[in-house]
Every structure is written in C-alpha cells, then in structure tokens.
C-alpha cells in the first residue's frame, strides 16, 4: 500500500489488503487496522458500519507513512504513543519498553499473594491512622505499567507504592502515566536499590521487577529498531540484573515479604536456584499465557522458619 494508490483508500480496501500487507511485511495484521482507527480517530465498530469511508488526503498520507515505518521496524505503540495494559492506557516512547500482555501475569501473582495474606489488614480500607502503610517497590519501572497497575488495584487500601528507574526520561513518562491514571506512586531516580535507604521503617512488603533478562549476545537483539536495548539485555546470559535484585533483596524486604520477578522462558531453574540460595522459601514459577515459565516468586524466610 503506497501513496500512489492512496486515491482509492477506503476503510473497505484497507481491510481487504491488511492481511497481504502484514504477510509481506512480517507485522501483525491487527497493527494495520489499529493504526487505521488511530489515524481516522474512530472506534473499532466503525470498520463494520462505515466500510465506504474515504480517507482524506491528510489521513491517507499519515496512514501510508505509518505503514512504511512499521515495515522498517517501528512498533505500533511508538506510532500511537500509547499501549493498553491491565485495562489502563500508558504513554510509551523510545525511552520505555512497550508493556506486554505476559507481564500482566506478574501483576496477577502479586495481587493474588497480597489477597491471600491472613489476618494482616493488607486490604483493610478502614485501617487506623496509627497503622503504618504496607509498602511495595517496583524496580526498573520503565513506563510505570507494573507499579501503576498495582497502585490502581490497591488505591483504596493502606499501601505505598515506590518505583525506581535509572532513566530520567523513562521516569518522566511514568510520572505522566501515574497522573493520567489517577494513582499515587513515588518515583525515585536510582540504579536498582542504590538510592533507597536501608532502614527498618522503610523496608518493603513486596518487591517486584521486570528487569532486563535477554542474553546480551542474543541474535534477536540485532533486529530491534526501536525499543531500548539497555532495558532488555543483561550480561551473564541475561541473569546479571536478576542476580543483583535477588541477592540484595534481603536488605530492603521485610521478613516474610514477597519478591516477584519476570524472566526469560528458559531461566526458571536458574532463578529458582537464586531465590533458594538467598534465603527465600515458598518459591514457585508461574507460566505466561503461552505456557512458558515467566514469573518466579518467593517469600523471604523469617528467622524461625
């Protein structure tokens, strides 16, 4: 689909050509229709009710330019500037990873653990003023999708959510996303735990992270055109950042607190071993929506356990 045939560019012929364009360009077919809806600013129902809608010259130009960019490796989310995650909308750009559906498993597991805690008033919306809030830490927050989604679910409970990232540009996006989704998250500029205090009163009940975990020598990284490589890859076969997070967690996590980490499909055994070697118990790995090992979590052992 090029500018030369743009004069005949209706919703109907774009729909008819979408599959062929996707196959020839190795991009998802839904990117094309979603991009069309973004350009013409219509709902999905419009594709069925108004197939004869003719794009204006400006819409045709924008649509064709976007298809060309996608064909050269630009993700749809970077064109629209937004990505849906956990029923919320998030701004994204070249400084942040695009939130992926499988990361919702991480959010689900953290919430399941919180709800399962007995006699802890964790979700008590009527906690007294003398009750210290529970604290949750998101390491390497990026767009803020994990921290903000959790804060959204816990907004009526006594929880404080803290999110850190090394990238100041990513933190700007995360702060904007928190404001747009009307949640309260404290953002900190930090390399993992570095800027966080080690103090009994500021320990966390939950630490969660989706760190870089792709082997820095992985050949697939060569084909990425847009997303920040630093947010994806790590040394030591992709395990270096995970190792650091697990090994330092005991300094910042309350005894009995939860550590939950997203990792590569082939890293489950190695990550479970890291948890085991660093005084965690009740360790388990949960699959993503494709059935691949994706999230490992465990609780920091108490003195008497």
C-alpha atoms as a PDB file:
ATOM      1  CA  UNK A   1       0.000   0.000   0.000  1.00  0.00           C
ATOM      2  CA  UNK A   2       1.738   3.149  -1.195  1.00  0.00           C
ATOM      3  CA  UNK A   3       0.914   6.781  -1.745  1.00  0.00           C
ATOM      4  CA  UNK A   4       0.336   6.057  -5.472  1.00  0.00           C
ATOM      5  CA  UNK A   5      -2.895   4.151  -4.824  1.00  0.00           C
ATOM      6  CA  UNK A   6      -3.939   6.350  -1.929  1.00  0.00           C
ATOM      7  CA  UNK A   7      -6.741   7.948  -4.024  1.00  0.00           C
ATOM      8  CA  UNK A   8      -8.764   4.737  -3.596  1.00  0.00           C
ATOM      9  CA  UNK A   9      -8.015   4.343   0.092  1.00  0.00           C
ATOM     10  CA  UNK A  10     -11.269   3.453   1.804  1.00  0.00           C
ATOM     11  CA  UNK A  11     -11.815   1.538   5.024  1.00  0.00           C
ATOM     12  CA  UNK A  12     -13.004  -1.422   2.980  1.00  0.00           C
ATOM     13  CA  UNK A  13      -9.973  -1.719   0.698  1.00  0.00           C
ATOM     14  CA  UNK A  14      -7.576  -1.222   3.604  1.00  0.00           C
ATOM     15  CA  UNK A  15      -9.290  -4.100   5.418  1.00  0.00           C
ATOM     16  CA  UNK A  16      -9.070  -6.225   2.282  1.00  0.00           C
ATOM     17  CA  UNK A  17      -5.361  -5.542   1.840  1.00  0.00           C
ATOM     18  CA  UNK A  18      -4.362  -5.734   5.530  1.00  0.00           C
ATOM     19  CA  UNK A  19      -3.606  -9.465   5.552  1.00  0.00           C
ATOM     20  CA  UNK A  20      -1.411  -9.286   2.464  1.00  0.00           C
ATOM     21  CA  UNK A  21       0.440  -6.233   3.763  1.00  0.00           C
ATOM     22  CA  UNK A  22       1.041  -7.949   7.098  1.00  0.00           C
ATOM     23  CA  UNK A  23       2.326 -11.143   5.491  1.00  0.00           C
ATOM     24  CA  UNK A  24       4.654  -9.272   3.150  1.00  0.00           C
ATOM     25  CA  UNK A  25       5.948  -7.011   5.913  1.00  0.00           C
ATOM     26  CA  UNK A  26       6.072  -9.511   8.824  1.00  0.00           C
ATOM     27  CA  UNK A  27       3.957  -7.250  11.016  1.00  0.00           C
ATOM     28  CA  UNK A  28       0.732  -8.244  12.827  1.00  0.00           C
ATOM     29  CA  UNK A  29      -2.400  -7.670  10.747  1.00  0.00           C
ATOM     30  CA  UNK A  30      -4.164  -6.017  13.688  1.00  0.00           C
ATOM     31  CA  UNK A  31      -1.459  -3.335  13.735  1.00  0.00           C
ATOM     32  CA  UNK A  32      -2.745  -2.156  10.359  1.00  0.00           C
ATOM     33  CA  UNK A  33      -6.385  -1.889  11.367  1.00  0.00           C
ATOM     34  CA  UNK A  34      -5.484  -0.411  14.762  1.00  0.00           C
ATOM     35  CA  UNK A  35      -3.306   2.152  13.022  1.00  0.00           C
ATOM     36  CA  UNK A  36      -6.172   2.955  10.664  1.00  0.00           C
ATOM     37  CA  UNK A  37      -8.517   3.551  13.602  1.00  0.00           C
ATOM     38  CA  UNK A  38      -5.927   5.791  15.234  1.00  0.00           C
ATOM     39  CA  UNK A  39      -5.468   7.848  12.069  1.00  0.00           C
ATOM     40  CA  UNK A  40      -9.187   8.357  11.421  1.00  0.00           C
ATOM     41  CA  UNK A  41      -9.968   8.633  15.169  1.00  0.00           C
ATOM     42  CA  UNK A  42     -12.799   6.124  15.112  1.00  0.00           C
ATOM     43  CA  UNK A  43     -13.869   3.139  17.221  1.00  0.00           C
ATOM     44  CA  UNK A  44     -13.471  -0.467  16.081  1.00  0.00           C
ATOM     45  CA  UNK A  45     -17.194  -0.640  15.279  1.00  0.00           C
ATOM     46  CA  UNK A  46     -16.597   1.896  12.525  1.00  0.00           C
ATOM     47  CA  UNK A  47     -14.752  -0.739  10.485  1.00  0.00           C
ATOM     48  CA  UNK A  48     -18.005  -2.678  10.163  1.00  0.00           C
ATOM     49  CA  UNK A  49     -20.551   0.122   9.939  1.00  0.00           C
ATOM     50  CA  UNK A  50     -18.793   2.502   7.517  1.00  0.00           C
ATOM     51  CA  UNK A  51     -16.700   0.426   5.061  1.00  0.00           C
ATOM     52  CA  UNK A  52     -17.026   3.072   2.305  1.00  0.00           C
ATOM     53  CA  UNK A  53     -15.454   5.833   4.386  1.00  0.00           C
ATOM     54  CA  UNK A  54     -12.836   7.526   2.208  1.00  0.00           C
ATOM     55  CA  UNK A  55      -9.733   8.770   3.965  1.00  0.00           C
ATOM     56  CA  UNK A  56      -8.882  12.413   3.482  1.00  0.00           C
ATOM     57  CA  UNK A  57      -5.618  13.330   1.806  1.00  0.00           C
ATOM     58  CA  UNK A  58      -4.018  14.082   5.204  1.00  0.00           C
ATOM     59  CA  UNK A  59      -5.286  10.799   6.666  1.00  0.00           C
ATOM     60  CA  UNK A  60      -4.029   8.866   3.653  1.00  0.00           C
ATOM     61  CA  UNK A  61      -0.589  10.447   3.966  1.00  0.00           C
ATOM     62  CA  UNK A  62      -0.366   9.734   7.709  1.00  0.00           C
ATOM     63  CA  UNK A  63      -1.619   6.179   7.295  1.00  0.00           C
ATOM     64  CA  UNK A  64       0.821   5.342   4.484  1.00  0.00           C
ATOM     65  CA  UNK A  65       3.764   6.908   6.342  1.00  0.00           C
ATOM     66  CA  UNK A  66       2.939   4.837   9.424  1.00  0.00           C
ATOM     67  CA  UNK A  67       2.781   1.600   7.443  1.00  0.00           C
ATOM     68  CA  UNK A  68       6.203   2.389   5.991  1.00  0.00           C
ATOM     69  CA  UNK A  69       7.626   2.992   9.465  1.00  0.00           C
ATOM     70  CA  UNK A  70       6.174  -0.294  10.736  1.00  0.00           C
ATOM     71  CA  UNK A  71       7.683  -2.083   7.747  1.00  0.00           C
ATOM     72  CA  UNK A  72      11.058  -0.711   8.872  1.00  0.00           C
ATOM     73  CA  UNK A  73      10.676  -1.989  12.425  1.00  0.00           C
ATOM     74  CA  UNK A  74       8.733   0.716  14.262  1.00  0.00           C
ATOM     75  CA  UNK A  75       6.237  -0.838  16.733  1.00  0.00           C
ATOM     76  CA  UNK A  76       2.651   0.353  16.511  1.00  0.00           C
ATOM     77  CA  UNK A  77       2.737   1.580  20.118  1.00  0.00           C
ATOM     78  CA  UNK A  78       5.531   4.024  19.318  1.00  0.00           C
ATOM     79  CA  UNK A  79       3.471   5.437  16.436  1.00  0.00           C
ATOM     80  CA  UNK A  80       0.358   5.934  18.538  1.00  0.00           C
ATOM     81  CA  UNK A  81       2.346   6.784  21.675  1.00  0.00           C
ATOM     82  CA  UNK A  82       0.131   4.558  23.830  1.00  0.00           C
ATOM     83  CA  UNK A  83      -0.257   0.926  24.873  1.00  0.00           C
ATOM     84  CA  UNK A  84      -3.047  -0.732  26.837  1.00  0.00           C
ATOM     85  CA  UNK A  85      -2.050  -2.771  29.893  1.00  0.00           C
ATOM     86  CA  UNK A  86      -4.165  -4.119  32.755  1.00  0.00           C
ATOM     87  CA  UNK A  87      -7.232  -2.225  31.450  1.00  0.00           C
ATOM     88  CA  UNK A  88      -5.293   1.056  31.671  1.00  0.00           C
ATOM     89  CA  UNK A  89      -3.644   3.176  28.976  1.00  0.00           C
ATOM     90  CA  UNK A  90       0.051   4.032  29.104  1.00  0.00           C
ATOM     91  CA  UNK A  91       2.136   6.540  27.206  1.00  0.00           C
ATOM     92  CA  UNK A  92       5.259   4.977  25.716  1.00  0.00           C
ATOM     93  CA  UNK A  93       8.182   6.226  23.684  1.00  0.00           C
ATOM     94  CA  UNK A  94      11.696   5.226  22.676  1.00  0.00           C
ATOM     95  CA  UNK A  95      12.861   5.527  26.308  1.00  0.00           C
ATOM     96  CA  UNK A  96      10.491   2.818  27.579  1.00  0.00           C
ATOM     97  CA  UNK A  97       9.680  -0.764  26.743  1.00  0.00           C
ATOM     98  CA  UNK A  98       6.235  -1.410  25.346  1.00  0.00           C
ATOM     99  CA  UNK A  99       4.160  -3.186  28.034  1.00  0.00           C
ATOM    100  CA  UNK A 100       3.414  -6.773  27.027  1.00  0.00           C
ATOM    101  CA  UNK A 101       0.424  -8.922  27.962  1.00  0.00           C
ATOM    102  CA  UNK A 102       2.611 -11.585  29.610  1.00  0.00           C
ATOM    103  CA  UNK A 103       3.766  -9.025  32.174  1.00  0.00           C
ATOM    104  CA  UNK A 104       0.178  -8.917  33.434  1.00  0.00           C
ATOM    105  CA  UNK A 105       0.931 -12.359  34.913  1.00  0.00           C
ATOM    106  CA  UNK A 106       3.409 -10.644  37.231  1.00  0.00           C
ATOM    107  CA  UNK A 107       0.736  -8.177  38.372  1.00  0.00           C
ATOM    108  CA  UNK A 108      -1.776 -11.011  38.874  1.00  0.00           C
ATOM    109  CA  UNK A 109       0.620 -13.039  41.003  1.00  0.00           C
ATOM    110  CA  UNK A 110       1.481 -10.106  43.265  1.00  0.00           C
ATOM    111  CA  UNK A 111      -2.186  -9.276  43.804  1.00  0.00           C
ATOM    112  CA  UNK A 112      -3.037 -12.930  44.458  1.00  0.00           C
ATOM    113  CA  UNK A 113      -0.328 -13.070  47.117  1.00  0.00           C
ATOM    114  CA  UNK A 114      -1.489  -9.844  48.759  1.00  0.00           C
ATOM    115  CA  UNK A 115      -5.091 -11.038  48.925  1.00  0.00           C
ATOM    116  CA  UNK A 116      -4.002 -14.397  50.361  1.00  0.00           C
ATOM    117  CA  UNK A 117      -2.249 -12.928  53.405  1.00  0.00           C
ATOM    118  CA  UNK A 118      -4.182 -13.857  56.581  1.00  0.00           C
ATOM    119  CA  UNK A 119      -5.019 -11.517  59.453  1.00  0.00           C
ATOM    120  CA  UNK A 120      -2.841  -8.787  58.034  1.00  0.00           C
ATOM    121  CA  UNK A 121      -5.299  -5.999  57.214  1.00  0.00           C
ATOM    122  CA  UNK A 122      -3.445  -5.791  53.892  1.00  0.00           C
ATOM    123  CA  UNK A 123      -6.559  -4.730  52.037  1.00  0.00           C
ATOM    124  CA  UNK A 124      -8.210  -3.115  55.036  1.00  0.00           C
ATOM    125  CA  UNK A 125      -9.663   0.157  53.821  1.00  0.00           C
ATOM    126  CA  UNK A 126     -10.507   1.250  57.346  1.00  0.00           C
ATOM    127  CA  UNK A 127      -7.067   0.856  58.891  1.00  0.00           C
ATOM    128  CA  UNK A 128      -6.437   3.291  61.710  1.00  0.00           C
ATOM    129  CA  UNK A 129      -4.180   6.289  61.308  1.00  0.00           C
ATOM    130  CA  UNK A 130      -1.677   4.590  63.575  1.00  0.00           C
ATOM    131  CA  UNK A 131      -1.293   1.667  61.171  1.00  0.00           C
ATOM    132  CA  UNK A 132       1.799   2.031  59.016  1.00  0.00           C
ATOM    133  CA  UNK A 133       1.004   1.539  55.315  1.00  0.00           C
ATOM    134  CA  UNK A 134       2.219  -1.536  53.530  1.00  0.00           C
ATOM    135  CA  UNK A 135       4.990  -0.759  51.050  1.00  0.00           C
ATOM    136  CA  UNK A 136       5.591  -2.060  47.526  1.00  0.00           C
ATOM    137  CA  UNK A 137       8.682  -1.462  45.378  1.00  0.00           C
ATOM    138  CA  UNK A 138       8.877  -1.732  41.576  1.00  0.00           C
ATOM    139  CA  UNK A 139      12.465  -1.931  40.337  1.00  0.00           C
ATOM    140  CA  UNK A 140      13.157  -0.696  36.794  1.00  0.00           C
ATOM    141  CA  UNK A 141       9.696   0.732  36.297  1.00  0.00           C
ATOM    142  CA  UNK A 142      10.051   1.988  32.702  1.00  0.00           C
ATOM    143  CA  UNK A 143       6.620   3.249  31.612  1.00  0.00           C
ATOM    144  CA  UNK A 144       5.395   2.538  35.140  1.00  0.00           C
ATOM    145  CA  UNK A 145       2.900  -0.074  33.959  1.00  0.00           C
ATOM    146  CA  UNK A 146       3.530  -2.536  36.809  1.00  0.00           C
ATOM    147  CA  UNK A 147       3.677  -0.014  39.651  1.00  0.00           C
ATOM    148  CA  UNK A 148       0.709   1.970  38.351  1.00  0.00           C
ATOM    149  CA  UNK A 149      -1.440  -1.115  37.725  1.00  0.00           C
ATOM    150  CA  UNK A 150      -0.749  -2.359  41.244  1.00  0.00           C
ATOM    151  CA  UNK A 151      -1.345   1.089  42.730  1.00  0.00           C
ATOM    152  CA  UNK A 152      -4.622   1.245  40.819  1.00  0.00           C
ATOM    153  CA  UNK A 153      -5.792  -2.032  42.363  1.00  0.00           C
ATOM    154  CA  UNK A 154      -4.581  -1.036  45.842  1.00  0.00           C
ATOM    155  CA  UNK A 155      -5.675   2.614  45.768  1.00  0.00           C
ATOM    156  CA  UNK A 156      -8.375   2.082  48.396  1.00  0.00           C
ATOM    157  CA  UNK A 157      -6.067   0.093  50.671  1.00  0.00           C
ATOM    158  CA  UNK A 158      -3.264   1.133  53.005  1.00  0.00           C
ATOM    159  CA  UNK A 159      -0.370   0.763  50.571  1.00  0.00           C
ATOM    160  CA  UNK A 160       2.507   2.976  49.459  1.00  0.00           C
ATOM    161  CA  UNK A 161       3.942   2.204  46.013  1.00  0.00           C
ATOM    162  CA  UNK A 162       7.522   3.226  45.161  1.00  0.00           C
ATOM    163  CA  UNK A 163       9.008   2.852  41.668  1.00  0.00           C
ATOM    164  CA  UNK A 164      12.606   3.379  40.581  1.00  0.00           C
ATOM    165  CA  UNK A 165      14.391   3.652  37.262  1.00  0.00           C
ATOM    166  CA  UNK A 166      17.841   4.689  36.115  1.00  0.00           C
ATOM    167  CA  UNK A 167      16.456   6.561  33.095  1.00  0.00           C
ATOM    168  CA  UNK A 168      15.233  10.074  33.842  1.00  0.00           C
ATOM    169  CA  UNK A 169      13.371  10.087  30.522  1.00  0.00           C
ATOM    170  CA  UNK A 170      11.545   6.893  31.461  1.00  0.00           C
ATOM    171  CA  UNK A 171      10.627   8.381  34.855  1.00  0.00           C
ATOM    172  CA  UNK A 172       9.062  11.384  33.126  1.00  0.00           C
ATOM    173  CA  UNK A 173       6.816   9.062  31.132  1.00  0.00           C
ATOM    174  CA  UNK A 174       5.991   7.001  34.246  1.00  0.00           C
ATOM    175  CA  UNK A 175       5.076  10.119  36.234  1.00  0.00           C
ATOM    176  CA  UNK A 176       2.783  11.248  33.429  1.00  0.00           C
ATOM    177  CA  UNK A 177       1.164   7.805  33.289  1.00  0.00           C
ATOM    178  CA  UNK A 178       0.546   7.840  37.033  1.00  0.00           C
ATOM    179  CA  UNK A 179      -1.136  11.237  36.791  1.00  0.00           C
ATOM    180  CA  UNK A 180      -3.246  10.190  33.802  1.00  0.00           C
ATOM    181  CA  UNK A 181      -4.389   7.047  35.601  1.00  0.00           C
ATOM    182  CA  UNK A 182      -5.016   8.979  38.827  1.00  0.00           C
ATOM    183  CA  UNK A 183      -2.833   6.929  41.144  1.00  0.00           C
ATOM    184  CA  UNK A 184      -0.231   7.923  43.712  1.00  0.00           C
ATOM    185  CA  UNK A 185       3.225   6.450  43.101  1.00  0.00           C
ATOM    186  CA  UNK A 186       6.504   7.749  44.493  1.00  0.00           C
ATOM    187  CA  UNK A 187       9.135   7.746  41.735  1.00  0.00           C
ATOM    188  CA  UNK A 188      12.848   7.602  42.548  1.00  0.00           C
ATOM    189  CA  UNK A 189      15.834   8.033  40.243  1.00  0.00           C
ATOM    190  CA  UNK A 190      18.011   5.056  41.125  1.00  0.00           C
ATOM    191  CA  UNK A 191      20.086   2.214  39.763  1.00  0.00           C
ATOM    192  CA  UNK A 192      18.107  -0.637  41.275  1.00  0.00           C
ATOM    193  CA  UNK A 193      18.287  -0.262  45.097  1.00  0.00           C
ATOM    194  CA  UNK A 194      21.160   2.249  45.136  1.00  0.00           C
ATOM    195  CA  UNK A 195      19.243   5.403  46.126  1.00  0.00           C
ATOM    196  CA  UNK A 196      16.931   3.654  48.593  1.00  0.00           C
ATOM    197  CA  UNK A 197      17.565   3.835  52.347  1.00  0.00           C
ATOM    198  CA  UNK A 198      18.256   0.717  54.376  1.00  0.00           C
ATOM    199  CA  UNK A 199      16.141   1.327  57.447  1.00  0.00           C
ATOM    200  CA  UNK A 200      13.684  -0.808  59.385  1.00  0.00           C
ATOM    201  CA  UNK A 201      10.896   1.753  58.943  1.00  0.00           C
ATOM    202  CA  UNK A 202      11.363   1.846  55.166  1.00  0.00           C
ATOM    203  CA  UNK A 203      11.503  -1.848  54.330  1.00  0.00           C
ATOM    204  CA  UNK A 204       9.103  -3.209  51.736  1.00  0.00           C
ATOM    205  CA  UNK A 205       6.436  -5.869  51.991  1.00  0.00           C
ATOM    206  CA  UNK A 206       6.622  -6.596  48.267  1.00  0.00           C
ATOM    207  CA  UNK A 207       9.405  -6.128  45.717  1.00  0.00           C
ATOM    208  CA  UNK A 208       8.539  -6.670  42.075  1.00  0.00           C
ATOM    209  CA  UNK A 209      10.589  -6.294  38.912  1.00  0.00           C
ATOM    210  CA  UNK A 210      10.620  -6.931  35.190  1.00  0.00           C
ATOM    211  CA  UNK A 211      14.366  -6.408  34.670  1.00  0.00           C
ATOM    212  CA  UNK A 212      16.459  -6.885  31.529  1.00  0.00           C
ATOM    213  CA  UNK A 213      16.844 -10.642  31.073  1.00  0.00           C
ATOM    214  CA  UNK A 214      17.785 -11.327  27.449  1.00  0.00           C
ATOM    215  CA  UNK A 215      21.334 -12.562  26.850  1.00  0.00           C
ATOM    216  CA  UNK A 216      23.307  -9.585  25.519  1.00  0.00           C
ATOM    217  CA  UNK A 217      24.625 -11.849  22.746  1.00  0.00           C
ATOM    218  CA  UNK A 218      21.144 -12.954  21.644  1.00  0.00           C
ATOM    219  CA  UNK A 219      20.946 -12.634  17.864  1.00  0.00           C
ATOM    220  CA  UNK A 220      17.357 -11.366  18.010  1.00  0.00           C
ATOM    221  CA  UNK A 221      18.543  -8.099  19.580  1.00  0.00           C
ATOM    222  CA  UNK A 222      20.162  -7.184  16.265  1.00  0.00           C
ATOM    223  CA  UNK A 223      16.752  -6.873  14.623  1.00  0.00           C
ATOM    224  CA  UNK A 224      15.270  -4.454  17.153  1.00  0.00           C
ATOM    225  CA  UNK A 225      14.851  -1.000  15.672  1.00  0.00           C
ATOM    226  CA  UNK A 226      13.116   0.969  18.396  1.00  0.00           C
ATOM    227  CA  UNK A 227      12.991  -0.349  21.959  1.00  0.00           C
ATOM    228  CA  UNK A 228      15.913   0.498  24.295  1.00  0.00           C
ATOM    229  CA  UNK A 229      18.392  -2.402  24.348  1.00  0.00           C
ATOM    230  CA  UNK A 230      19.506  -1.467  27.873  1.00  0.00           C
ATOM    231  CA  UNK A 231      16.024  -2.299  29.142  1.00  0.00           C
ATOM    232  CA  UNK A 232      16.097  -5.726  27.506  1.00  0.00           C
ATOM    233  CA  UNK A 233      19.529  -7.329  27.752  1.00  0.00           C
ATOM    234  CA  UNK A 234      21.947  -8.163  30.549  1.00  0.00           C
ATOM    235  CA  UNK A 235      25.321  -9.908  30.938  1.00  0.00           C
ATOM    236  CA  UNK A 236      25.794 -13.433  32.279  1.00  0.00           C
ATOM    237  CA  UNK A 237      23.324 -14.996  29.856  1.00  0.00           C
ATOM    238  CA  UNK A 238      20.724 -12.379  30.803  1.00  0.00           C
ATOM    239  CA  UNK A 239      20.873 -13.129  34.532  1.00  0.00           C
ATOM    240  CA  UNK A 240      23.136 -10.356  35.861  1.00  0.00           C
ATOM    241  CA  UNK A 241      20.417  -7.894  36.898  1.00  0.00           C
ATOM    242  CA  UNK A 242      18.194 -10.641  38.279  1.00  0.00           C
ATOM    243  CA  UNK A 243      21.112 -11.868  40.389  1.00  0.00           C
ATOM    244  CA  UNK A 244      21.676  -8.386  41.797  1.00  0.00           C
ATOM    245  CA  UNK A 245      17.990  -7.897  42.619  1.00  0.00           C
ATOM    246  CA  UNK A 246      17.691 -11.241  44.394  1.00  0.00           C
ATOM    247  CA  UNK A 247      20.997 -11.011  46.256  1.00  0.00           C
ATOM    248  CA  UNK A 248      20.264  -7.516  47.616  1.00  0.00           C
ATOM    249  CA  UNK A 249      16.567  -8.054  48.313  1.00  0.00           C
ATOM    250  CA  UNK A 250      17.016  -9.126  51.938  1.00  0.00           C
ATOM    251  CA  UNK A 251      18.351  -5.654  52.796  1.00  0.00           C
ATOM    252  CA  UNK A 252      15.126  -3.973  51.655  1.00  0.00           C
ATOM    253  CA  UNK A 253      12.428  -6.610  52.167  1.00  0.00           C
ATOM    254  CA  UNK A 254      10.644  -7.429  55.399  1.00  0.00           C
ATOM    255  CA  UNK A 255      10.918 -11.000  56.673  1.00  0.00           C
ATOM    256  CA  UNK A 256       8.081 -12.927  55.105  1.00  0.00           C
ATOM    257  CA  UNK A 257       7.787 -10.345  52.320  1.00  0.00           C
ATOM    258  CA  UNK A 258       7.352 -11.235  48.662  1.00  0.00           C
ATOM    259  CA  UNK A 259       9.872 -10.967  45.833  1.00  0.00           C
ATOM    260  CA  UNK A 260       8.425 -11.467  42.324  1.00  0.00           C
ATOM    261  CA  UNK A 261      10.492 -11.292  39.136  1.00  0.00           C
ATOM    262  CA  UNK A 262       9.699 -11.695  35.445  1.00  0.00           C
ATOM    263  CA  UNK A 263      12.377 -13.587  33.497  1.00  0.00           C
ATOM    264  CA  UNK A 264      13.113 -15.450  30.279  1.00  0.00           C
ATOM    265  CA  UNK A 265      11.287 -18.625  29.263  1.00  0.00           C
ATOM    266  CA  UNK A 266      14.451 -20.702  29.782  1.00  0.00           C
ATOM    267  CA  UNK A 267      15.625 -19.091  33.052  1.00  0.00           C
ATOM    268  CA  UNK A 268      13.143 -20.582  35.517  1.00  0.00           C
ATOM    269  CA  UNK A 269      15.503 -23.133  37.043  1.00  0.00           C
ATOM    270  CA  UNK A 270      18.368 -20.628  37.407  1.00  0.00           C
ATOM    271  CA  UNK A 271      16.111 -18.019  39.006  1.00  0.00           C
ATOM    272  CA  UNK A 272      14.577 -20.513  41.440  1.00  0.00           C
ATOM    273  CA  UNK A 273      18.096 -21.512  42.458  1.00  0.00           C
ATOM    274  CA  UNK A 274      18.971 -17.860  43.075  1.00  0.00           C
ATOM    275  CA  UNK A 275      15.933 -17.499  45.317  1.00  0.00           C
ATOM    276  CA  UNK A 276      16.846 -20.676  47.185  1.00  0.00           C
ATOM    277  CA  UNK A 277      20.460 -19.575  47.679  1.00  0.00           C
ATOM    278  CA  UNK A 278      19.366 -16.218  49.093  1.00  0.00           C
ATOM    279  CA  UNK A 279      17.080 -17.367  51.902  1.00  0.00           C
ATOM    280  CA  UNK A 280      13.734 -17.419  50.115  1.00  0.00           C
ATOM    281  CA  UNK A 281      11.029 -20.007  50.695  1.00  0.00           C
ATOM    282  CA  UNK A 282       7.674 -20.941  49.115  1.00  0.00           C
ATOM    283  CA  UNK A 283       9.395 -20.500  45.759  1.00  0.00           C
ATOM    284  CA  UNK A 284       7.387 -21.121  42.616  1.00  0.00           C
ATOM    285  CA  UNK A 285       7.495 -20.291  38.920  1.00  0.00           C
ATOM    286  CA  UNK A 286       4.329 -19.367  37.036  1.00  0.00           C
ATOM    287  CA  UNK A 287       3.857 -19.693  33.255  1.00  0.00           C
ATOM    288  CA  UNK A 288       2.830 -16.868  30.944  1.00  0.00           C
ATOM    289  CA  UNK A 289      -0.184 -17.007  28.625  1.00  0.00           C
ATOM    290  CA  UNK A 290       1.848 -19.046  26.140  1.00  0.00           C
ATOM    291  CA  UNK A 291       2.712 -21.692  28.740  1.00  0.00           C
ATOM    292  CA  UNK A 292       6.353 -20.611  29.125  1.00  0.00           C
ATOM    293  CA  UNK A 293       7.971 -20.177  32.551  1.00  0.00           C
ATOM    294  CA  UNK A 294       7.837 -16.429  33.083  1.00  0.00           C
ATOM    295  CA  UNK A 295       7.448 -15.275  36.713  1.00  0.00           C
ATOM    296  CA  UNK A 296       9.253 -16.606  39.792  1.00  0.00           C
ATOM    297  CA  UNK A 297       8.271 -15.540  43.279  1.00  0.00           C
ATOM    298  CA  UNK A 298       9.145 -16.413  46.833  1.00  0.00           C
ATOM    299  CA  UNK A 299       8.992 -15.090  50.386  1.00  0.00           C
ATOM    300  CA  UNK A 300      11.997 -14.013  52.434  1.00  0.00           C
ATOM    301  CA  UNK A 301      12.433 -16.560  55.193  1.00  0.00           C
ATOM    302  CA  UNK A 302      11.831 -15.450  58.747  1.00  0.00           C
ATOM    303  CA  UNK A 303      14.346 -16.151  61.499  1.00  0.00           C
ATOM    304  CA  UNK A 304      12.357 -19.068  62.875  1.00  0.00           C
ATOM    305  CA  UNK A 305      11.454 -20.651  59.521  1.00  0.00           C
END
